[in-house]
PDB file of N, CA and C in Angstrom:
ATOM      1  N   MET A   1     -26.961 -61.161  57.681  1.00  0.00           N
ATOM      2  CA  MET A   1     -26.932 -59.762  57.282  1.00  0.00           C
ATOM      3  C   MET A   1     -26.987 -59.625  55.767  1.00  0.00           C
ATOM      4  N   SER A   2     -26.279 -60.490  55.071  1.00  0.00           N
ATOM      5  CA  SER A   2     -26.273 -60.403  53.619  1.00  0.00           C
ATOM      6  C   SER A   2     -27.652 -60.738  53.036  1.00  0.00           C
ATOM      7  N   LYS A   3     -28.378 -61.650  53.689  1.00  0.00           N
ATOM      8  CA  LYS A   3     -29.731 -61.979  53.228  1.00  0.00           C
ATOM      9  C   LYS A   3     -30.653 -60.781  53.369  1.00  0.00           C
ATOM     10  N   LEU A   4     -30.478 -60.009  54.420  1.00  0.00           N
ATOM     11  CA  LEU A   4     -31.290 -58.813  54.630  1.00  0.00           C
ATOM     12  C   LEU A   4     -31.020 -57.773  53.538  1.00  0.00           C
ATOM     13  N   ILE A   5     -29.769 -57.582  53.204  1.00  0.00           N
ATOM     14  CA  ILE A   5     -29.417 -56.614  52.161  1.00  0.00           C
ATOM     15  C   ILE A   5     -29.984 -57.054  50.816  1.00  0.00           C
ATOM     16  N   ILE A   6     -29.864 -58.329  50.499  1.00  0.00           N
ATOM     17  CA  ILE A   6     -30.419 -58.844  49.242  1.00  0.00           C
ATOM     18  C   ILE A   6     -31.937 -58.678  49.234  1.00  0.00           C
ATOM     19  N   PHE A   7     -32.576 -58.951  50.337  1.00  0.00           N
ATOM     20  CA  PHE A   7     -34.029 -58.800  50.437  1.00  0.00           C
ATOM     21  C   PHE A   7     -34.449 -57.348  50.217  1.00  0.00           C
ATOM     22  N   LEU A   8     -33.740 -56.405  50.826  1.00  0.00           N
ATOM     23  CA  LEU A   8     -34.069 -54.985  50.661  1.00  0.00           C
ATOM     24  C   LEU A   8     -33.846 -54.521  49.230  1.00  0.00           C
ATOM     25  N   VAL A   9     -32.787 -54.982  48.595  1.00  0.00           N
ATOM     26  CA  VAL A   9     -32.524 -54.623  47.205  1.00  0.00           C
ATOM     27  C   VAL A   9     -33.628 -55.162  46.299  1.00  0.00           C
ATOM     28  N   LEU A  10     -34.063 -56.374  46.539  1.00  0.00           N
ATOM     29  CA  LEU A  10     -35.149 -56.946  45.744  1.00  0.00           C
ATOM     30  C   LEU A  10     -36.451 -56.178  45.929  1.00  0.00           C
ATOM     31  N   ILE A  11     -36.753 -55.789  47.148  1.00  0.00           N
ATOM     32  CA  ILE A  11     -37.972 -55.019  47.408  1.00  0.00           C
ATOM     33  C   ILE A  11     -37.927 -53.685  46.664  1.00  0.00           C
ATOM     34  N   LEU A  12     -36.817 -52.983  46.758  1.00  0.00           N
ATOM     35  CA  LEU A  12     -36.695 -51.698  46.059  1.00  0.00           C
ATOM     36  C   LEU A  12     -36.709 -51.873  44.552  1.00  0.00           C
ATOM     37  N   ASN A  13     -36.161 -52.967  44.068  1.00  0.00           N
ATOM     38  CA  ASN A  13     -36.122 -53.213  42.635  1.00  0.00           C
ATOM     39  C   ASN A  13     -37.523 -53.437  42.072  1.00  0.00           C
ATOM     40  N   PHE A  14     -38.345 -54.177  42.781  1.00  0.00           N
ATOM     41  CA  PHE A  14     -39.673 -54.494  42.277  1.00  0.00           C
ATOM     42  C   PHE A  14     -40.709 -53.419  42.599  1.00  0.00           C
ATOM     43  N   SER A  15     -40.547 -52.722  43.685  1.00  0.00           N
ATOM     44  CA  SER A  15     -41.525 -51.697  44.040  1.00  0.00           C
ATOM     45  C   SER A  15     -41.152 -50.334  43.480  1.00  0.00           C
ATOM     46  N   GLY A  16     -39.894 -50.099  43.264  1.00  0.00           N
ATOM     47  CA  GLY A  16     -39.438 -48.812  42.767  1.00  0.00           C
ATOM     48  C   GLY A  16     -39.394 -47.793  43.887  1.00  0.00           C
ATOM     49  N   CYS A  17     -38.596 -46.804  43.697  1.00  0.00           N
ATOM     50  CA  CYS A  17     -38.451 -45.771  44.725  1.00  0.00           C
ATOM     51  C   CYS A  17     -39.429 -44.629  44.518  1.00  0.00           C
ATOM     52  N   GLY A  18     -39.951 -44.496  43.330  1.00  0.00           N
ATOM     53  CA  GLY A  18     -40.879 -43.414  43.063  1.00  0.00           C
ATOM     54  C   GLY A  18     -40.214 -42.121  42.650  1.00  0.00           C
ATOM     55  N   VAL A  19     -38.927 -42.165  42.352  1.00  0.00           N
ATOM     56  CA  VAL A  19     -38.220 -40.943  41.977  1.00  0.00           C
ATOM     57  C   VAL A  19     -38.780 -40.390  40.674  1.00  0.00           C
ATOM     58  N   GLY A  20     -39.043 -41.263  39.710  1.00  0.00           N
ATOM     59  CA  GLY A  20     -39.596 -40.803  38.436  1.00  0.00           C
ATOM     60  C   GLY A  20     -40.940 -40.130  38.606  1.00  0.00           C
ATOM     61  N   SER A  21     -41.767 -40.680  39.476  1.00  0.00           N
ATOM     62  CA  SER A  21     -43.078 -40.080  39.725  1.00  0.00           C
ATOM     63  C   SER A  21     -42.959 -38.728  40.412  1.00  0.00           C
ATOM     64  N   ILE A  22     -42.003 -38.622  41.323  1.00  0.00           N
ATOM     65  CA  ILE A  22     -41.815 -37.357  42.035  1.00  0.00           C
ATOM     66  C   ILE A  22     -41.282 -36.281  41.097  1.00  0.00           C
ATOM     67  N   VAL A  23     -40.360 -36.658  40.211  1.00  0.00           N
ATOM     68  CA  VAL A  23     -39.799 -35.689  39.269  1.00  0.00           C
ATOM     69  C   VAL A  23     -40.855 -35.260  38.252  1.00  0.00           C
ATOM     70  N   ALA A  24     -41.721 -36.171  37.841  1.00  0.00           N
ATOM     71  CA  ALA A  24     -42.732 -35.863  36.833  1.00  0.00           C
ATOM     72  C   ALA A  24     -43.943 -35.137  37.411  1.00  0.00           C
ATOM     73  N   LEU A  25     -44.097 -35.114  38.718  1.00  0.00           N
ATOM     74  CA  LEU A  25     -45.267 -34.511  39.346  1.00  0.00           C
ATOM     75  C   LEU A  25     -45.459 -33.032  38.997  1.00  0.00           C
ATOM     76  N   PRO A  26     -44.431 -32.188  39.063  1.00  0.00           N
ATOM     77  CA  PRO A  26     -44.655 -30.777  38.702  1.00  0.00           C
ATOM     78  C   PRO A  26     -45.100 -30.589  37.251  1.00  0.00           C
ATOM     79  N   VAL A  27     -44.605 -31.445  36.367  1.00  0.00           N
ATOM     80  CA  VAL A  27     -44.997 -31.350  34.960  1.00  0.00           C
ATOM     81  C   VAL A  27     -46.463 -31.724  34.811  1.00  0.00           C
ATOM     82  N   ARG A  28     -46.902 -32.739  35.527  1.00  0.00           N
ATOM     83  CA  ARG A  28     -48.310 -33.153  35.438  1.00  0.00           C
ATOM     84  C   ARG A  28     -49.249 -32.111  36.045  1.00  0.00           C
ATOM     85  N   VAL A  29     -48.832 -31.496  37.131  1.00  0.00           N
ATOM     86  CA  VAL A  29     -49.654 -30.442  37.737  1.00  0.00           C
ATOM     87  C   VAL A  29     -49.746 -29.256  36.786  1.00  0.00           C
ATOM     88  N   THR A  30     -48.642 -28.918  36.150  1.00  0.00           N
ATOM     89  CA  THR A  30     -48.648 -27.841  35.159  1.00  0.00           C
ATOM     90  C   THR A  30     -49.589 -28.172  34.012  1.00  0.00           C
ATOM     91  N   ALA A  31     -49.590 -29.415  33.565  1.00  0.00           N
ATOM     92  CA  ALA A  31     -50.486 -29.827  32.490  1.00  0.00           C
ATOM     93  C   ALA A  31     -51.947 -29.679  32.906  1.00  0.00           C
ATOM     94  N   ASP A  32     -52.260 -30.004  34.149  1.00  0.00           N
ATOM     95  CA  ASP A  32     -53.638 -29.858  34.618  1.00  0.00           C
ATOM     96  C   ASP A  32     -54.059 -28.396  34.689  1.00  0.00           C
ATOM     97  N   VAL A  33     -53.141 -27.534  35.113  1.00  0.00           N
ATOM     98  CA  VAL A  33     -53.454 -26.106  35.185  1.00  0.00           C
ATOM     99  C   VAL A  33     -53.603 -25.520  33.783  1.00  0.00           C
ATOM    100  N   VAL A  34     -52.717 -25.923  32.877  1.00  0.00           N
ATOM    101  CA  VAL A  34     -52.778 -25.425  31.501  1.00  0.00           C
ATOM    102  C   VAL A  34     -54.054 -25.900  30.820  1.00  0.00           C
ATOM    103  N   ASP A  35     -54.525 -27.071  31.183  1.00  0.00           N
ATOM    104  CA  ASP A  35     -55.750 -27.623  30.589  1.00  0.00           C
ATOM    105  C   ASP A  35     -56.947 -26.717  30.835  1.00  0.00           C
ATOM    106  N   ILE A  36     -56.935 -25.985  31.919  1.00  0.00           N
ATOM    107  CA  ILE A  36     -58.038 -25.077  32.227  1.00  0.00           C
ATOM    108  C   ILE A  36     -58.023 -23.861  31.306  1.00  0.00           C
ATOM    109  N   VAL A  37     -56.824 -23.411  30.932  1.00  0.00           N
ATOM    110  CA  VAL A  37     -56.684 -22.145  30.214  1.00  0.00           C
ATOM    111  C   VAL A  37     -56.652 -22.315  28.704  1.00  0.00           C
ATOM    112  N   VAL A  38     -55.948 -23.309  28.200  1.00  0.00           N
ATOM    113  CA  VAL A  38     -55.728 -23.456  26.753  1.00  0.00           C
ATOM    114  C   VAL A  38     -56.350 -24.748  26.246  1.00  0.00           C
ATOM    115  N   PRO A  39     -56.312 -24.966  24.937  1.00  0.00           N
ATOM    116  CA  PRO A  39     -56.906 -26.193  24.384  1.00  0.00           C
ATOM    117  C   PRO A  39     -56.256 -27.466  24.931  1.00  0.00           C
ATOM    118  N   GLU A  40     -56.991 -28.526  24.790  1.00  0.00           N
ATOM    119  CA  GLU A  40     -56.589 -29.803  25.379  1.00  0.00           C
ATOM    120  C   GLU A  40     -55.309 -30.354  24.750  1.00  0.00           C
ATOM    121  N   THR A  41     -55.035 -30.062  23.491  1.00  0.00           N
ATOM    122  CA  THR A  41     -53.850 -30.630  22.843  1.00  0.00           C
ATOM    123  C   THR A  41     -52.560 -30.136  23.490  1.00  0.00           C
ATOM    124  N   VAL A  42     -52.554 -28.898  23.950  1.00  0.00           N
ATOM    125  CA  VAL A  42     -51.359 -28.361  24.598  1.00  0.00           C
ATOM    126  C   VAL A  42     -51.124 -29.070  25.928  1.00  0.00           C
ATOM    127  N   SER A  43     -52.174 -29.234  26.714  1.00  0.00           N
ATOM    128  CA  SER A  43     -52.004 -29.907  28.012  1.00  0.00           C
ATOM    129  C   SER A  43     -51.676 -31.383  27.823  1.00  0.00           C
ATOM    130  N   GLU A  44     -52.188 -32.007  26.765  1.00  0.00           N
ATOM    131  CA  GLU A  44     -51.830 -33.400  26.489  1.00  0.00           C
ATOM    132  C   GLU A  44     -50.352 -33.529  26.173  1.00  0.00           C
ATOM    133  N   THR A  45     -49.820 -32.580  25.429  1.00  0.00           N
ATOM    134  CA  THR A  45     -48.398 -32.597  25.108  1.00  0.00           C
ATOM    135  C   THR A  45     -47.556 -32.466  26.372  1.00  0.00           C
ATOM    136  N   ILE A  46     -47.944 -31.572  27.261  1.00  0.00           N
ATOM    137  CA  ILE A  46     -47.210 -31.408  28.519  1.00  0.00           C
ATOM    138  C   ILE A  46     -47.325 -32.663  29.370  1.00  0.00           C
ATOM    139  N   HIS A  47     -48.507 -33.259  29.388  1.00  0.00           N
ATOM    140  CA  HIS A  47     -48.705 -34.486  30.160  1.00  0.00           C
ATOM    141  C   HIS A  47     -47.852 -35.627  29.592  1.00  0.00           C
ATOM    142  N   ASN A  48     -47.720 -35.677  28.271  1.00  0.00           N
ATOM    143  CA  ASN A  48     -46.878 -36.705  27.650  1.00  0.00           C
ATOM    144  C   ASN A  48     -45.411 -36.517  28.025  1.00  0.00           C
ATOM    145  N   VAL A  49     -44.989 -35.270  28.198  1.00  0.00           N
ATOM    146  CA  VAL A  49     -43.625 -35.013  28.659  1.00  0.00           C
ATOM    147  C   VAL A  49     -43.447 -35.594  30.064  1.00  0.00           C
ATOM    148  N   GLY A  50     -44.438 -35.418  30.918  1.00  0.00           N
ATOM    149  CA  GLY A  50     -44.379 -36.003  32.265  1.00  0.00           C
ATOM    150  C   GLY A  50     -44.301 -37.518  32.224  1.00  0.00           C
ATOM    151  N   ASP A  51     -45.061 -38.136  31.320  1.00  0.00           N
ATOM    152  CA  ASP A  51     -45.002 -39.597  31.166  1.00  0.00           C
ATOM    153  C   ASP A  51     -43.625 -40.044  30.695  1.00  0.00           C
ATOM    154  N   THR A  52     -43.043 -39.269  29.783  1.00  0.00           N
ATOM    155  CA  THR A  52     -41.717 -39.600  29.276  1.00  0.00           C
ATOM    156  C   THR A  52     -40.671 -39.487  30.373  1.00  0.00           C
ATOM    157  N   ILE A  53     -40.771 -38.441  31.173  1.00  0.00           N
ATOM    158  CA  ILE A  53     -39.826 -38.274  32.290  1.00  0.00           C
ATOM    159  C   ILE A  53     -39.928 -39.455  33.244  1.00  0.00           C
ATOM    160  N   GLU A  54     -41.144 -39.851  33.550  1.00  0.00           N
ATOM    161  CA  GLU A  54     -41.332 -40.972  34.471  1.00  0.00           C
ATOM    162  C   GLU A  54     -40.795 -42.274  33.880  1.00  0.00           C
ATOM    163  N   GLY A  55     -40.943 -42.431  32.557  1.00  0.00           N
ATOM    164  CA  GLY A  55     -40.455 -43.638  31.922  1.00  0.00           C
ATOM    165  C   GLY A  55     -38.946 -43.682  31.781  1.00  0.00           C
ATOM    166  N   VAL A  56     -38.323 -42.519  31.625  1.00  0.00           N
ATOM    167  CA  VAL A  56     -36.876 -42.477  31.435  1.00  0.00           C
ATOM    168  C   VAL A  56     -36.133 -42.765  32.731  1.00  0.00           C
ATOM    169  N   ILE A  57     -36.659 -42.283  33.842  1.00  0.00           N
ATOM    170  CA  ILE A  57     -36.013 -42.513  35.132  1.00  0.00           C
ATOM    171  C   ILE A  57     -36.395 -43.918  35.594  1.00  0.00           C
ATOM    172  N   PRO A  58     -35.445 -44.836  35.632  1.00  0.00           N
ATOM    173  CA  PRO A  58     -35.776 -46.247  35.851  1.00  0.00           C
ATOM    174  C   PRO A  58     -36.100 -46.632  37.290  1.00  0.00           C
ATOM    175  N   PHE A  59     -35.975 -45.733  38.225  1.00  0.00           N
ATOM    176  CA  PHE A  59     -36.240 -46.116  39.614  1.00  0.00           C
ATOM    177  C   PHE A  59     -37.165 -45.157  40.277  1.00  0.00           C
TER     178      PHE A  59
END
């Protein structure tokens, strides 16, 4: 049983749970929508915020 728990922890550690990607998704969608309306620099800034959110959340 302990080997199974260690195996599952290792799998989650290396694959990640995707929480950072899920949290950053609304920001990235907003950046894509803003890109249609305003200049590209504004949407790039919003997209960079999404990248930062994904990078800060370690799992």
